N, C-alpha and C. Protein backbone atom coordinates (compact mmCIF):
# COMPACT_ATOMS: atom_id res chain seq x y z
N MET A 1 78.03 -39.77 146.62
CA MET A 1 77.71 -38.85 145.45
C MET A 1 79.08 -38.12 144.89
N SER A 2 79.16 -38.15 143.65
CA SER A 2 80.42 -37.38 143.15
C SER A 2 80.34 -35.93 143.25
N LEU A 3 81.37 -35.20 143.90
CA LEU A 3 81.43 -33.87 144.07
C LEU A 3 82.32 -33.33 143.00
N PHE A 4 83.41 -33.72 142.79
CA PHE A 4 84.30 -33.26 141.58
C PHE A 4 84.68 -34.55 140.68
N SER A 5 84.73 -34.13 139.52
CA SER A 5 85.05 -35.29 138.40
C SER A 5 86.03 -34.53 137.53
N LEU A 6 87.06 -35.19 137.19
CA LEU A 6 88.23 -34.60 136.37
C LEU A 6 88.34 -35.75 135.18
N LYS A 7 88.40 -35.17 133.86
CA LYS A 7 88.59 -36.04 132.81
C LYS A 7 89.64 -35.47 131.75
N ASN A 8 90.68 -36.20 131.59
CA ASN A 8 91.72 -35.76 130.66
C ASN A 8 92.03 -34.28 130.81
N VAL A 9 92.36 -33.96 132.12
CA VAL A 9 92.81 -32.45 132.26
C VAL A 9 94.14 -32.35 132.19
N THR A 10 94.73 -31.25 131.58
CA THR A 10 96.05 -31.06 131.37
C THR A 10 96.31 -29.60 131.77
N PHE A 11 97.37 -29.35 132.62
CA PHE A 11 97.83 -28.01 133.10
C PHE A 11 99.15 -27.79 132.50
N LYS A 12 99.23 -26.77 131.69
CA LYS A 12 100.55 -26.25 131.08
C LYS A 12 101.35 -27.31 130.45
N ASN A 13 100.58 -28.27 129.84
CA ASN A 13 101.19 -29.31 129.12
C ASN A 13 102.32 -30.14 129.92
N LEU A 14 102.25 -30.06 131.29
CA LEU A 14 103.17 -30.66 132.08
C LEU A 14 102.54 -31.74 132.98
N ILE A 15 101.29 -31.58 133.37
CA ILE A 15 100.58 -32.46 134.25
C ILE A 15 99.27 -32.89 133.68
N HIS A 16 99.09 -34.11 133.67
CA HIS A 16 97.91 -34.65 133.06
C HIS A 16 97.14 -35.57 133.98
N TYR A 17 95.87 -35.19 134.33
CA TYR A 17 94.99 -35.97 135.21
C TYR A 17 93.99 -36.77 134.27
N SER A 18 94.23 -38.02 134.24
CA SER A 18 93.43 -38.75 133.24
C SER A 18 91.85 -38.95 133.64
N SER A 19 91.85 -39.24 135.00
CA SER A 19 90.29 -39.53 135.36
C SER A 19 90.49 -39.52 137.01
N LEU A 20 89.83 -38.61 137.62
CA LEU A 20 89.66 -38.52 139.07
C LEU A 20 88.32 -38.18 139.60
N THR A 21 87.82 -38.82 140.65
CA THR A 21 86.63 -38.41 141.20
C THR A 21 86.85 -38.27 142.66
N ILE A 22 86.26 -37.19 143.25
CA ILE A 22 86.27 -37.08 144.68
C ILE A 22 84.75 -36.89 145.13
N HIS A 23 84.35 -37.68 146.11
CA HIS A 23 83.04 -37.78 146.56
C HIS A 23 82.66 -36.85 147.73
N GLU A 24 81.32 -36.47 147.75
CA GLU A 24 80.91 -35.42 148.61
C GLU A 24 80.72 -36.03 150.00
N ASN A 25 81.07 -35.22 150.97
CA ASN A 25 80.91 -35.64 152.47
C ASN A 25 81.83 -36.76 152.88
N LYS A 26 82.93 -36.66 152.23
CA LYS A 26 84.07 -37.76 152.54
C LYS A 26 85.11 -36.79 152.90
N THR A 27 86.13 -37.55 153.64
CA THR A 27 87.56 -37.06 153.83
C THR A 27 88.33 -37.81 152.92
N THR A 28 89.04 -37.01 151.95
CA THR A 28 89.78 -37.47 150.87
C THR A 28 91.19 -36.96 150.98
N PHE A 29 92.22 -37.97 151.02
CA PHE A 29 93.60 -37.58 151.29
C PHE A 29 94.30 -37.85 149.69
N ILE A 30 95.06 -36.89 149.47
CA ILE A 30 95.74 -37.05 148.20
C ILE A 30 97.29 -37.17 148.44
N CYS A 31 97.89 -38.07 147.94
CA CYS A 31 99.29 -38.44 148.10
C CYS A 31 100.10 -38.35 146.81
N GLY A 32 101.28 -38.35 146.88
CA GLY A 32 102.05 -38.38 145.75
C GLY A 32 103.45 -37.78 145.74
N LYS A 33 104.38 -38.03 144.91
CA LYS A 33 105.83 -37.61 145.02
C LYS A 33 105.69 -36.04 144.64
N SER A 34 106.79 -35.47 145.04
CA SER A 34 106.99 -34.01 144.59
C SER A 34 106.86 -33.93 143.08
N GLY A 35 106.07 -32.91 142.57
CA GLY A 35 105.80 -32.66 141.27
C GLY A 35 104.82 -33.52 140.64
N SER A 36 104.09 -34.43 141.41
CA SER A 36 103.05 -35.14 140.88
C SER A 36 101.73 -34.29 140.55
N GLY A 37 101.54 -33.18 141.03
CA GLY A 37 100.44 -32.35 140.75
C GLY A 37 99.46 -32.26 142.00
N LYS A 38 99.98 -32.37 143.15
CA LYS A 38 99.04 -32.43 144.35
C LYS A 38 98.39 -30.97 144.59
N SER A 39 99.39 -30.05 144.71
CA SER A 39 98.83 -28.65 144.86
C SER A 39 98.11 -28.08 143.70
N THR A 40 98.63 -28.45 142.61
CA THR A 40 98.00 -27.93 141.33
C THR A 40 96.58 -28.47 141.33
N LEU A 41 96.42 -29.55 141.68
CA LEU A 41 95.01 -30.18 141.64
C LEU A 41 94.11 -29.36 142.45
N LEU A 42 94.42 -29.02 143.71
CA LEU A 42 93.59 -28.25 144.54
C LEU A 42 93.29 -26.84 143.86
N LYS A 43 94.32 -26.21 143.30
CA LYS A 43 94.16 -25.02 142.74
C LYS A 43 93.17 -25.02 141.46
N LEU A 44 93.19 -26.22 140.80
CA LEU A 44 92.12 -26.53 139.71
C LEU A 44 90.79 -26.55 140.24
N LEU A 45 90.55 -27.20 141.39
CA LEU A 45 89.33 -27.49 141.95
C LEU A 45 88.50 -26.33 142.36
N ASN A 46 89.34 -25.24 142.71
CA ASN A 46 88.43 -23.89 143.00
C ASN A 46 88.81 -22.70 142.09
N ALA A 47 89.27 -23.15 140.93
CA ALA A 47 89.58 -22.15 139.82
C ALA A 47 90.53 -21.13 140.06
N THR A 48 91.37 -21.47 141.09
CA THR A 48 92.61 -20.45 141.23
C THR A 48 93.48 -20.43 140.00
N ILE A 49 93.52 -21.58 139.36
CA ILE A 49 94.14 -21.59 137.98
C ILE A 49 93.35 -22.56 136.98
N SER A 50 93.42 -22.40 135.74
CA SER A 50 92.60 -23.08 134.87
C SER A 50 93.49 -24.01 134.09
N PRO A 51 92.82 -25.16 133.52
CA PRO A 51 93.54 -26.17 132.63
C PRO A 51 93.54 -25.66 131.30
N GLU A 52 94.45 -26.31 130.65
CA GLU A 52 94.47 -26.04 129.11
C GLU A 52 93.54 -26.82 128.29
N GLU A 53 93.32 -28.05 128.85
CA GLU A 53 92.47 -28.96 128.21
C GLU A 53 91.76 -29.81 129.35
N GLY A 54 90.60 -30.44 128.95
CA GLY A 54 90.03 -31.41 129.71
C GLY A 54 88.81 -30.80 130.51
N GLU A 55 88.05 -31.50 131.18
CA GLU A 55 86.80 -31.13 131.90
C GLU A 55 86.93 -31.40 133.31
N ILE A 56 86.53 -30.24 134.10
CA ILE A 56 86.33 -30.38 135.59
C ILE A 56 84.99 -30.07 135.88
N LEU A 57 84.23 -31.11 136.59
CA LEU A 57 82.86 -30.94 136.99
C LEU A 57 82.88 -30.71 138.40
N TYR A 58 82.04 -29.85 138.91
CA TYR A 58 81.85 -29.65 140.30
C TYR A 58 80.18 -29.70 140.59
N GLN A 59 79.76 -30.76 141.40
CA GLN A 59 78.32 -30.97 141.57
C GLN A 59 77.66 -31.29 140.07
N GLY A 60 78.34 -31.78 139.28
CA GLY A 60 77.69 -32.32 138.09
C GLY A 60 77.82 -31.20 136.90
N LYS A 61 78.39 -30.09 137.23
CA LYS A 61 78.28 -28.97 136.35
C LYS A 61 79.78 -28.28 136.13
N SER A 62 80.02 -27.99 134.86
CA SER A 62 81.26 -27.52 134.58
C SER A 62 81.63 -26.56 135.54
N ILE A 63 83.04 -26.52 135.87
CA ILE A 63 83.46 -25.53 136.85
C ILE A 63 83.41 -24.10 136.24
N ASN A 64 83.60 -24.04 134.87
CA ASN A 64 83.53 -22.80 134.23
C ASN A 64 82.22 -22.07 134.27
N GLU A 65 81.19 -22.76 134.65
CA GLU A 65 79.87 -22.20 134.82
C GLU A 65 79.44 -21.39 136.08
N TYR A 66 80.49 -21.67 137.01
CA TYR A 66 80.30 -21.11 138.28
C TYR A 66 80.95 -19.60 138.30
N ASP A 67 80.30 -18.78 139.15
CA ASP A 67 80.96 -17.56 139.43
C ASP A 67 82.22 -17.75 140.40
N THR A 68 83.34 -17.22 139.85
CA THR A 68 84.66 -17.50 140.55
C THR A 68 84.71 -17.28 141.99
N ILE A 69 84.22 -16.07 142.36
CA ILE A 69 84.20 -15.73 143.75
C ILE A 69 83.40 -16.60 144.53
N ALA A 70 82.11 -16.90 144.16
CA ALA A 70 81.28 -17.87 144.83
C ALA A 70 81.95 -19.13 144.97
N LEU A 71 82.45 -19.72 143.95
CA LEU A 71 83.08 -20.96 143.88
C LEU A 71 84.17 -21.04 145.04
N ARG A 72 85.01 -20.16 145.16
CA ARG A 72 86.19 -20.01 145.99
C ARG A 72 85.66 -19.89 147.45
N ARG A 73 84.48 -19.38 147.62
CA ARG A 73 83.92 -19.37 149.03
C ARG A 73 83.42 -20.55 149.39
N ASP A 74 82.80 -21.29 148.47
CA ASP A 74 82.22 -22.65 148.63
C ASP A 74 83.46 -23.72 148.76
N VAL A 75 84.48 -23.58 148.00
CA VAL A 75 85.64 -24.46 147.94
C VAL A 75 86.77 -23.75 148.39
N MET A 76 87.07 -23.63 149.71
CA MET A 76 88.09 -22.93 150.31
C MET A 76 89.37 -23.72 150.28
N LEU A 77 90.59 -22.92 149.95
CA LEU A 77 91.71 -23.54 149.94
C LEU A 77 92.62 -22.91 150.91
N VAL A 78 93.22 -23.82 151.66
CA VAL A 78 94.32 -23.36 152.60
C VAL A 78 95.57 -23.90 152.05
N ALA A 79 96.38 -22.95 151.60
CA ALA A 79 97.82 -23.33 151.03
C ALA A 79 98.72 -23.46 152.07
N GLN A 80 100.03 -23.92 151.73
CA GLN A 80 100.98 -24.09 152.77
C GLN A 80 101.47 -22.59 153.17
N ASN A 81 101.51 -21.67 152.24
CA ASN A 81 101.88 -20.26 152.44
C ASN A 81 100.66 -19.48 152.54
N VAL A 82 100.01 -19.34 153.85
CA VAL A 82 98.77 -18.67 153.99
C VAL A 82 99.17 -17.06 154.27
N TYR A 83 98.09 -16.27 153.89
CA TYR A 83 98.12 -14.92 153.94
C TYR A 83 97.36 -14.44 155.41
N LEU A 84 98.03 -13.99 156.37
CA LEU A 84 97.35 -13.32 157.50
C LEU A 84 97.85 -11.91 157.63
N PHE A 85 97.15 -10.98 158.23
CA PHE A 85 97.50 -9.75 158.50
C PHE A 85 98.41 -9.58 159.74
N ASP A 86 99.25 -8.84 159.69
CA ASP A 86 100.30 -8.57 160.83
C ASP A 86 99.55 -7.85 162.01
N THR A 87 98.43 -8.42 162.39
CA THR A 87 97.80 -7.92 163.55
C THR A 87 97.32 -9.06 164.38
N THR A 88 96.48 -8.85 165.39
CA THR A 88 95.99 -9.86 166.34
C THR A 88 95.22 -10.90 165.56
N ILE A 89 94.99 -12.01 166.37
CA ILE A 89 94.27 -13.10 165.92
C ILE A 89 92.77 -12.56 165.75
N ARG A 90 92.34 -11.86 166.62
CA ARG A 90 90.90 -11.36 166.67
C ARG A 90 90.80 -10.50 165.50
N ASN A 91 91.71 -9.43 165.17
CA ASN A 91 91.58 -8.51 164.24
C ASN A 91 91.60 -9.37 162.78
N ASN A 92 92.30 -10.55 162.61
CA ASN A 92 92.29 -11.31 161.47
C ASN A 92 90.91 -11.90 161.21
N PHE A 93 90.22 -12.39 162.18
CA PHE A 93 88.96 -12.92 162.10
C PHE A 93 88.02 -11.71 161.57
N GLU A 94 88.23 -10.57 162.17
CA GLU A 94 87.34 -9.44 161.76
C GLU A 94 87.59 -8.97 160.36
N GLU A 95 88.89 -9.01 160.01
CA GLU A 95 89.11 -8.57 158.68
C GLU A 95 88.52 -9.50 157.55
N PHE A 96 88.77 -10.75 157.71
CA PHE A 96 88.23 -11.74 156.76
C PHE A 96 86.70 -11.84 156.59
N TYR A 97 86.09 -11.50 157.76
CA TYR A 97 84.61 -11.41 157.82
C TYR A 97 84.11 -10.24 157.04
N SER A 98 84.95 -9.11 157.36
CA SER A 98 84.49 -7.78 156.77
C SER A 98 84.44 -7.80 155.20
N TYR A 99 85.42 -8.65 154.60
CA TYR A 99 85.57 -8.87 153.18
C TYR A 99 84.21 -9.59 152.73
N ARG A 100 83.58 -10.29 153.44
CA ARG A 100 82.35 -10.79 152.99
C ARG A 100 80.98 -10.06 153.40
N GLY A 101 81.34 -8.75 153.95
CA GLY A 101 80.25 -8.04 154.51
C GLY A 101 79.50 -8.63 155.82
N LEU A 102 80.21 -9.48 156.49
CA LEU A 102 79.63 -10.10 157.68
C LEU A 102 80.27 -9.56 158.97
N LEU A 103 79.45 -9.81 159.98
CA LEU A 103 79.92 -9.34 161.27
C LEU A 103 80.83 -10.62 161.89
N ALA A 104 81.90 -10.15 162.64
CA ALA A 104 82.87 -11.24 162.99
C ALA A 104 82.10 -11.98 164.12
N PRO A 105 82.51 -13.30 164.29
CA PRO A 105 81.90 -14.12 165.35
C PRO A 105 82.36 -13.60 166.71
N SER A 106 81.62 -14.04 167.66
CA SER A 106 81.98 -13.74 168.92
C SER A 106 83.24 -14.34 169.42
N GLU A 107 83.90 -13.76 170.41
CA GLU A 107 85.28 -14.43 170.97
C GLU A 107 85.06 -15.82 171.37
N GLU A 108 83.95 -16.26 171.76
CA GLU A 108 83.61 -17.61 172.20
C GLU A 108 83.71 -18.60 170.99
N VAL A 109 83.04 -17.92 169.81
CA VAL A 109 83.11 -18.84 168.60
C VAL A 109 84.53 -18.82 168.05
N MET A 110 85.24 -17.75 168.00
CA MET A 110 86.61 -17.65 167.59
C MET A 110 87.49 -18.81 168.40
N ASN A 111 87.28 -18.78 169.52
CA ASN A 111 88.12 -19.60 170.39
C ASN A 111 87.56 -21.05 170.16
N LEU A 112 86.42 -21.33 169.77
CA LEU A 112 85.99 -22.80 169.54
C LEU A 112 86.71 -23.25 168.40
N PHE A 113 86.76 -22.38 167.20
CA PHE A 113 87.48 -22.91 165.97
C PHE A 113 88.97 -23.03 166.17
N LEU A 114 89.47 -22.01 166.93
CA LEU A 114 90.98 -22.23 167.28
C LEU A 114 91.29 -23.38 168.10
N ASN A 115 90.45 -23.68 168.98
CA ASN A 115 90.61 -24.98 169.71
C ASN A 115 90.51 -26.16 168.80
N ILE A 116 89.73 -26.22 167.86
CA ILE A 116 89.54 -27.41 167.01
C ILE A 116 90.82 -27.53 166.14
N CYS A 117 91.45 -26.54 165.83
CA CYS A 117 92.47 -26.44 165.03
C CYS A 117 93.88 -26.40 165.80
N LEU A 118 93.90 -26.68 167.14
CA LEU A 118 95.04 -26.78 167.88
C LEU A 118 95.81 -25.39 167.67
N ALA A 119 95.07 -24.28 167.84
CA ALA A 119 95.73 -22.86 167.80
C ALA A 119 95.05 -22.12 168.85
N ASP A 120 94.97 -22.72 170.08
CA ASP A 120 94.24 -21.92 171.09
C ASP A 120 95.18 -20.94 171.79
N PHE A 121 95.53 -19.96 171.08
CA PHE A 121 96.34 -18.85 171.44
C PHE A 121 95.42 -17.68 172.06
N PRO A 122 95.84 -16.78 172.78
CA PRO A 122 95.13 -15.63 173.09
C PRO A 122 94.78 -14.84 171.88
N LEU A 123 93.63 -14.36 171.86
CA LEU A 123 93.17 -13.59 170.63
C LEU A 123 93.86 -12.29 170.55
N THR A 124 94.68 -11.82 171.44
CA THR A 124 95.37 -10.60 171.42
C THR A 124 96.82 -10.96 170.83
N ASN A 125 97.14 -12.10 170.70
CA ASN A 125 98.42 -12.39 170.12
C ASN A 125 98.47 -11.94 168.67
N ASN A 126 99.65 -11.47 168.38
CA ASN A 126 99.81 -10.96 166.92
C ASN A 126 100.29 -11.95 166.06
N CYS A 127 99.58 -12.23 164.95
CA CYS A 127 100.01 -13.29 163.99
C CYS A 127 101.23 -13.02 163.38
N ARG A 128 101.80 -11.82 163.37
CA ARG A 128 103.25 -11.65 162.85
C ARG A 128 104.30 -12.42 163.66
N ASP A 129 104.02 -12.67 164.88
CA ASP A 129 105.04 -13.44 165.63
C ASP A 129 104.80 -15.07 165.78
N MET A 130 103.91 -15.49 164.97
CA MET A 130 103.62 -16.87 164.94
C MET A 130 104.55 -17.60 163.95
N SER A 131 104.79 -18.91 164.21
CA SER A 131 105.46 -19.72 163.24
C SER A 131 104.62 -19.86 162.04
N GLY A 132 105.33 -20.53 161.04
CA GLY A 132 104.52 -20.93 159.84
C GLY A 132 103.38 -21.81 160.08
N GLY A 133 103.70 -22.90 160.84
CA GLY A 133 102.69 -23.89 161.24
C GLY A 133 101.44 -23.25 162.00
N GLU A 134 101.89 -22.49 162.94
CA GLU A 134 100.89 -21.77 163.83
C GLU A 134 99.92 -20.87 162.95
N ARG A 135 100.56 -20.19 162.05
CA ARG A 135 99.72 -19.21 161.15
C ARG A 135 98.74 -20.16 160.29
N GLN A 136 99.22 -21.24 159.73
CA GLN A 136 98.50 -22.08 158.86
C GLN A 136 97.31 -22.62 159.71
N ARG A 137 97.54 -23.01 160.97
CA ARG A 137 96.31 -23.48 161.73
C ARG A 137 95.32 -22.40 162.15
N ILE A 138 95.75 -21.13 162.29
CA ILE A 138 94.93 -20.16 162.57
C ILE A 138 94.09 -19.70 161.43
N TYR A 139 94.79 -19.82 160.09
CA TYR A 139 94.04 -19.56 158.99
C TYR A 139 92.95 -20.76 158.72
N ILE A 140 93.30 -21.95 159.16
CA ILE A 140 92.29 -23.12 158.96
C ILE A 140 91.19 -22.87 159.88
N ALA A 141 91.51 -22.28 160.93
CA ALA A 141 90.38 -22.13 162.01
C ALA A 141 89.41 -21.01 161.38
N ILE A 142 90.01 -19.95 160.72
CA ILE A 142 89.16 -18.87 160.10
C ILE A 142 88.28 -19.46 159.14
N CYS A 143 88.93 -20.31 158.24
CA CYS A 143 88.27 -20.76 156.97
C CYS A 143 87.22 -21.69 157.44
N LEU A 144 87.49 -22.46 158.48
CA LEU A 144 86.47 -23.48 158.87
C LEU A 144 85.29 -22.82 159.58
N SER A 145 85.45 -21.66 160.14
CA SER A 145 84.51 -20.90 160.80
C SER A 145 83.33 -20.49 159.77
N PHE A 146 83.73 -20.34 158.48
CA PHE A 146 82.88 -19.97 157.29
C PHE A 146 82.06 -21.07 157.00
N HIS A 147 82.17 -22.25 157.42
CA HIS A 147 81.32 -23.47 157.05
C HIS A 147 81.34 -23.58 155.60
N PRO A 148 82.36 -23.65 154.75
CA PRO A 148 82.33 -23.88 153.40
C PRO A 148 81.78 -25.17 153.04
N LYS A 149 81.49 -25.44 151.77
CA LYS A 149 80.85 -26.83 151.40
C LYS A 149 82.23 -27.75 151.23
N VAL A 150 83.31 -27.15 150.91
CA VAL A 150 84.50 -28.01 150.75
C VAL A 150 85.67 -27.21 151.37
N LEU A 151 86.53 -27.86 152.13
CA LEU A 151 87.77 -27.35 152.72
C LEU A 151 88.72 -28.14 152.25
N MET A 152 89.88 -27.38 151.45
CA MET A 152 90.91 -28.15 151.02
C MET A 152 92.25 -27.64 151.73
N LEU A 153 92.92 -28.54 152.10
CA LEU A 153 94.15 -28.36 152.97
C LEU A 153 95.49 -28.78 152.06
N ASP A 154 96.45 -28.01 152.18
CA ASP A 154 97.69 -28.40 151.34
C ASP A 154 98.82 -28.55 152.53
N GLU A 155 99.01 -29.83 152.80
CA GLU A 155 99.98 -30.19 153.80
C GLU A 155 99.78 -29.53 155.22
N PRO A 156 98.62 -29.76 155.71
CA PRO A 156 98.25 -29.16 157.11
C PRO A 156 99.21 -29.66 158.31
N THR A 157 99.76 -30.98 158.14
CA THR A 157 100.50 -31.55 159.16
C THR A 157 101.99 -31.55 159.11
N SER A 158 102.40 -30.98 157.95
CA SER A 158 103.84 -31.02 157.59
C SER A 158 104.80 -30.52 158.59
N ALA A 159 104.40 -29.44 159.36
CA ALA A 159 105.26 -28.90 160.37
C ALA A 159 104.84 -29.31 161.84
N LEU A 160 104.18 -30.45 162.00
CA LEU A 160 103.68 -30.80 163.32
C LEU A 160 104.25 -32.21 163.78
N ASP A 161 104.33 -32.42 164.85
CA ASP A 161 104.75 -33.74 165.39
C ASP A 161 103.70 -34.78 165.27
N GLU A 162 104.01 -35.93 165.36
CA GLU A 162 102.98 -37.14 164.99
C GLU A 162 101.69 -36.87 165.99
N ALA A 163 101.87 -36.72 167.21
CA ALA A 163 100.64 -36.61 168.02
C ALA A 163 99.82 -35.58 167.79
N THR A 164 100.51 -34.18 167.53
CA THR A 164 99.67 -33.04 167.05
C THR A 164 98.94 -33.22 165.76
N ALA A 165 99.72 -33.90 164.81
CA ALA A 165 99.01 -34.11 163.53
C ALA A 165 97.85 -34.90 163.65
N VAL A 166 97.88 -36.07 164.44
CA VAL A 166 96.84 -36.92 164.59
C VAL A 166 95.76 -36.19 165.25
N SER A 167 95.85 -35.43 166.30
CA SER A 167 94.78 -34.80 167.01
C SER A 167 94.13 -33.76 166.02
N LEU A 168 94.87 -32.97 165.22
CA LEU A 168 94.47 -32.01 164.34
C LEU A 168 93.55 -32.71 163.45
N LEU A 169 94.03 -33.86 162.62
CA LEU A 169 93.11 -34.56 161.70
C LEU A 169 91.88 -35.10 162.31
N GLN A 170 91.98 -35.63 163.63
CA GLN A 170 90.80 -36.10 164.31
C GLN A 170 89.82 -35.14 164.43
N ASN A 171 90.31 -33.86 164.90
CA ASN A 171 89.22 -32.75 165.17
C ASN A 171 88.67 -32.20 163.91
N LEU A 172 89.46 -32.16 162.81
CA LEU A 172 88.92 -31.59 161.57
C LEU A 172 87.93 -32.57 160.91
N LYS A 173 88.28 -33.85 160.95
CA LYS A 173 87.37 -34.81 160.36
C LYS A 173 86.02 -34.98 161.14
N GLN A 174 86.15 -34.96 162.44
CA GLN A 174 84.97 -34.99 163.16
C GLN A 174 83.98 -33.82 162.93
N TYR A 175 84.61 -32.59 163.07
CA TYR A 175 83.78 -31.38 162.74
C TYR A 175 83.14 -31.40 161.33
N CYS A 176 84.03 -31.62 160.43
CA CYS A 176 83.56 -31.68 159.02
C CYS A 176 82.41 -32.73 158.78
N ASN A 177 82.61 -33.99 159.50
CA ASN A 177 81.62 -35.03 159.26
C ASN A 177 80.23 -34.51 159.92
N GLU A 178 80.35 -33.91 161.14
CA GLU A 178 79.26 -33.49 161.75
C GLU A 178 78.39 -32.43 161.11
N HIS A 179 79.24 -31.46 160.21
CA HIS A 179 78.50 -30.36 159.63
C HIS A 179 78.28 -30.52 157.95
N GLY A 180 78.63 -31.58 157.56
CA GLY A 180 78.50 -31.88 156.04
C GLY A 180 79.49 -31.11 155.28
N ILE A 181 80.80 -31.11 155.71
CA ILE A 181 81.72 -30.34 154.99
C ILE A 181 82.60 -31.46 154.35
N THR A 182 82.84 -31.32 153.15
CA THR A 182 83.92 -32.38 152.45
C THR A 182 85.12 -31.86 152.68
N LEU A 183 86.10 -32.71 153.13
CA LEU A 183 87.41 -32.37 153.56
C LEU A 183 88.36 -33.11 152.56
N ILE A 184 89.27 -32.14 151.91
CA ILE A 184 90.17 -32.76 151.02
C ILE A 184 91.61 -32.34 151.37
N ALA A 185 92.52 -33.19 151.65
CA ALA A 185 93.88 -32.83 152.19
C ALA A 185 94.97 -33.53 151.48
N ILE A 186 96.10 -32.71 151.29
CA ILE A 186 97.29 -33.18 150.74
C ILE A 186 98.27 -33.65 152.01
N THR A 187 98.80 -34.86 151.70
CA THR A 187 99.86 -35.22 152.76
C THR A 187 100.79 -36.05 152.08
N HIS A 188 102.01 -36.10 152.78
CA HIS A 188 103.12 -37.16 152.35
C HIS A 188 103.07 -38.33 153.27
N ASP A 189 102.31 -38.22 154.37
CA ASP A 189 102.12 -39.30 155.46
C ASP A 189 101.16 -40.33 154.89
N LYS A 190 101.37 -41.36 154.19
CA LYS A 190 100.50 -42.29 153.88
C LYS A 190 99.78 -43.12 154.99
N THR A 191 100.27 -43.18 156.13
CA THR A 191 99.91 -43.90 157.11
C THR A 191 98.70 -42.96 157.68
N LEU A 192 99.00 -41.68 158.01
CA LEU A 192 97.98 -40.82 158.46
C LEU A 192 96.74 -40.78 157.40
N ALA A 193 97.01 -40.75 156.08
CA ALA A 193 96.12 -40.62 155.17
C ALA A 193 95.19 -41.90 155.04
N LYS A 194 95.86 -43.07 155.34
CA LYS A 194 94.87 -44.26 155.14
C LYS A 194 94.26 -44.52 156.62
N SER A 195 94.71 -43.86 157.65
CA SER A 195 94.03 -44.04 158.81
C SER A 195 92.85 -43.16 159.00
N TYR A 196 92.96 -41.84 158.48
CA TYR A 196 91.84 -41.03 158.79
C TYR A 196 91.07 -40.54 157.50
N GLY A 197 91.59 -41.11 156.36
CA GLY A 197 90.73 -40.81 155.09
C GLY A 197 89.71 -41.72 154.85
N ASP A 198 88.59 -41.30 154.51
CA ASP A 198 87.47 -42.04 153.86
C ASP A 198 88.00 -42.75 152.51
N GLU A 199 88.66 -41.91 151.77
CA GLU A 199 89.06 -42.20 150.51
C GLU A 199 90.59 -41.71 150.18
N TYR A 200 91.26 -42.27 149.33
CA TYR A 200 92.66 -42.13 149.36
C TYR A 200 93.00 -42.24 147.83
N ILE A 201 93.70 -41.07 147.32
CA ILE A 201 94.06 -41.04 145.91
C ILE A 201 95.50 -40.78 145.88
N SER A 202 96.21 -41.60 145.15
CA SER A 202 97.67 -41.55 144.99
C SER A 202 97.79 -41.04 143.53
N LEU A 203 98.39 -39.78 143.51
CA LEU A 203 98.59 -39.32 142.16
C LEU A 203 99.66 -39.85 141.23
N ASP A 204 100.46 -40.61 142.09
CA ASP A 204 101.70 -41.22 141.28
C ASP A 204 101.06 -42.28 140.34
N SER A 205 99.90 -42.83 140.63
CA SER A 205 99.18 -43.75 139.69
C SER A 205 98.17 -43.19 138.66
N GLU A 206 97.65 -41.90 139.22
CA GLU A 206 96.60 -41.27 138.50
C GLU A 206 97.13 -40.25 137.51
N VAL A 207 98.37 -39.81 137.71
CA VAL A 207 98.68 -38.60 136.98
C VAL A 207 100.04 -38.90 136.23
N SER A 208 100.28 -38.33 135.09
CA SER A 208 101.56 -38.34 134.31
C SER A 208 102.17 -37.02 134.13
N CYS A 209 103.43 -36.94 134.40
CA CYS A 209 104.23 -35.62 134.30
C CYS A 209 105.12 -35.69 133.23
N GLU A 210 105.38 -34.63 132.49
CA GLU A 210 106.36 -34.59 131.54
C GLU A 210 107.46 -33.64 131.94
């Protein structure tokens, strides 16, 4: 079933997506050269940015018809530069849950999602002292714990060695498959994409840039 559909979408008269479809409950990898519009595409899909022209459908309805905050909670984006508070991992879970008016999960649940994302650090560790890749995996763990309908990841394996990248993708794909979460990820590694993706989109052939 089609989850997202783009037709003749233009962003800032620089990037043009002629026709793209992303299917529900699949793991879709997006590849392409630098400047081909990979990160821009993810931001368009959860209305972080808006196109100048064209149509974006989500679940068969124009993305403009959705409440923006509700959409971003359903379609969560983990960018390369993530925002975490300069406090402990536990405090970060608590802060992000408080924004939604929710009680934070138990330490057992926090550790479960951290383990899935290969970020099994003590909850008392301060995120300020983490590397960029570690912070990104902690943020993925927090986002995944909300069980969004769609989880979008921008280069989640760029700072990882091959073995760790493979383990992370295996864990994420398995969890998303088991819980009906559509996973969309950007990567430069075509081998990983073709090995673990149900679908593969190359923006080099789908998108034109001026």
